[in-house]
Amino acid sequence: HYIQVSCSAAAIDKIISTIPEADRGTPEDRHHVLSFRHWADVNDERPELMAGQHRIEALRDYVRQTASDPGDLWWVCEFYDKGATP
């Protein structure tokens, strides 16, 4: 299950422009996942969490309880353009 977030299209374009073309996948590969782990280094805008708050908190709790690497705190997201009409 994806986490749904919203942000500006400009923020998405900005982060994608920092990903090497070889790591972007092909247009035919609709399920290719891009890593946005460096989002805060590229964008001042924070994505707004629209759905999935409970899964995020459960993941944080799991990492705390198991003393896992905080680098494991990631989830696959669907991004929605907050400037677009629903």
Protein backbone atom coordinates (compact mmCIF):
# COMPACT_ATOMS: atom_id res chain seq x y z
CA HIS A 1 0.00 0.00 0.00
CA TYR A 2 1.36 3.34 -1.03
CA ILE A 3 1.46 6.40 1.18
CA GLN A 4 -0.34 9.30 -0.50
CA VAL A 5 1.34 12.69 -0.37
CA SER A 6 0.79 16.02 -2.03
CA CYS A 7 3.31 18.65 -3.09
CA SER A 8 3.92 21.00 -5.98
CA ALA A 9 4.79 19.65 -9.41
CA ALA A 10 7.82 21.96 -9.34
CA ALA A 11 9.18 20.13 -6.25
CA ILE A 12 8.81 16.77 -8.01
CA ASP A 13 10.52 18.10 -11.14
CA LYS A 14 13.34 19.49 -9.00
CA ILE A 15 14.01 16.20 -7.18
CA ILE A 16 13.77 14.11 -10.35
CA SER A 17 16.28 16.38 -12.07
CA THR A 18 18.86 15.34 -9.44
CA ILE A 19 18.44 11.62 -10.13
CA PRO A 20 20.81 10.25 -12.78
CA GLU A 21 18.94 9.36 -15.96
CA ALA A 22 20.13 5.75 -15.74
CA ASP A 23 18.32 5.41 -12.39
CA ARG A 24 15.00 6.82 -13.63
CA GLY A 25 13.81 3.69 -15.45
CA THR A 26 12.01 3.74 -18.78
CA PRO A 27 8.64 5.29 -19.64
CA GLU A 28 7.30 1.76 -20.24
CA ASP A 29 8.26 0.67 -16.71
CA ARG A 30 5.35 2.14 -14.74
CA HIS A 31 6.38 0.36 -11.55
CA HIS A 32 9.94 1.68 -11.35
CA VAL A 33 10.51 3.28 -7.94
CA LEU A 34 12.63 6.43 -7.65
CA SER A 35 14.47 7.23 -4.44
CA PHE A 36 13.66 10.64 -2.99
CA ARG A 37 15.71 10.08 0.19
CA HIS A 38 17.59 13.32 -0.47
CA TRP A 39 14.35 15.37 -0.73
CA ALA A 40 15.27 17.77 2.10
CA ASP A 41 18.64 18.51 0.49
CA VAL A 42 16.91 19.59 -2.73
CA ASN A 43 13.56 21.09 -1.70
CA ASP A 44 12.44 23.53 0.98
CA GLU A 45 8.86 22.31 0.52
CA ARG A 46 7.70 19.42 2.70
CA PRO A 47 5.23 16.98 1.12
CA GLU A 48 1.86 16.86 2.88
CA LEU A 49 0.83 13.41 4.07
CA MET A 50 -2.69 12.76 2.77
CA ALA A 51 -3.18 9.11 3.73
CA GLY A 52 -1.07 6.55 5.55
CA GLN A 53 -0.38 8.27 8.87
CA HIS A 54 -1.01 5.06 10.84
CA ARG A 55 1.42 3.05 8.69
CA ILE A 56 4.13 5.69 9.13
CA GLU A 57 3.69 5.69 12.93
CA ALA A 58 3.67 1.87 13.02
CA LEU A 59 6.94 1.84 11.05
CA ARG A 60 8.52 4.38 13.42
CA ASP A 61 7.41 2.29 16.39
CA TYR A 62 8.77 -0.90 14.80
CA VAL A 63 12.16 0.71 14.17
CA ARG A 64 12.29 1.92 17.80
CA GLN A 65 11.29 -1.45 19.26
CA THR A 66 13.73 -3.43 17.17
CA ALA A 67 16.55 -0.88 17.38
CA SER A 68 16.66 -0.97 13.60
CA ASP A 69 18.55 1.47 11.45
CA PRO A 70 16.61 4.77 11.13
CA GLY A 71 17.54 4.55 7.44
CA ASP A 72 14.84 1.89 7.26
CA LEU A 73 12.20 4.60 7.73
CA TRP A 74 10.98 4.82 4.14
CA TRP A 75 7.82 3.97 2.27
CA VAL A 76 6.73 3.94 -1.36
CA CYS A 77 4.57 7.01 -2.08
CA GLU A 78 2.11 8.19 -4.67
CA PHE A 79 2.57 11.91 -5.27
CA TYR A 80 -0.30 14.23 -6.12
CA ASP A 81 0.09 17.75 -7.45
CA LYS A 82 -1.41 20.06 -4.85
CA GLY A 83 -1.74 22.75 -7.51
CA ALA A 84 -4.03 20.61 -9.68
CA THR A 85 -7.79 20.46 -9.41
CA PRO A 86 -8.98 17.17 -7.85
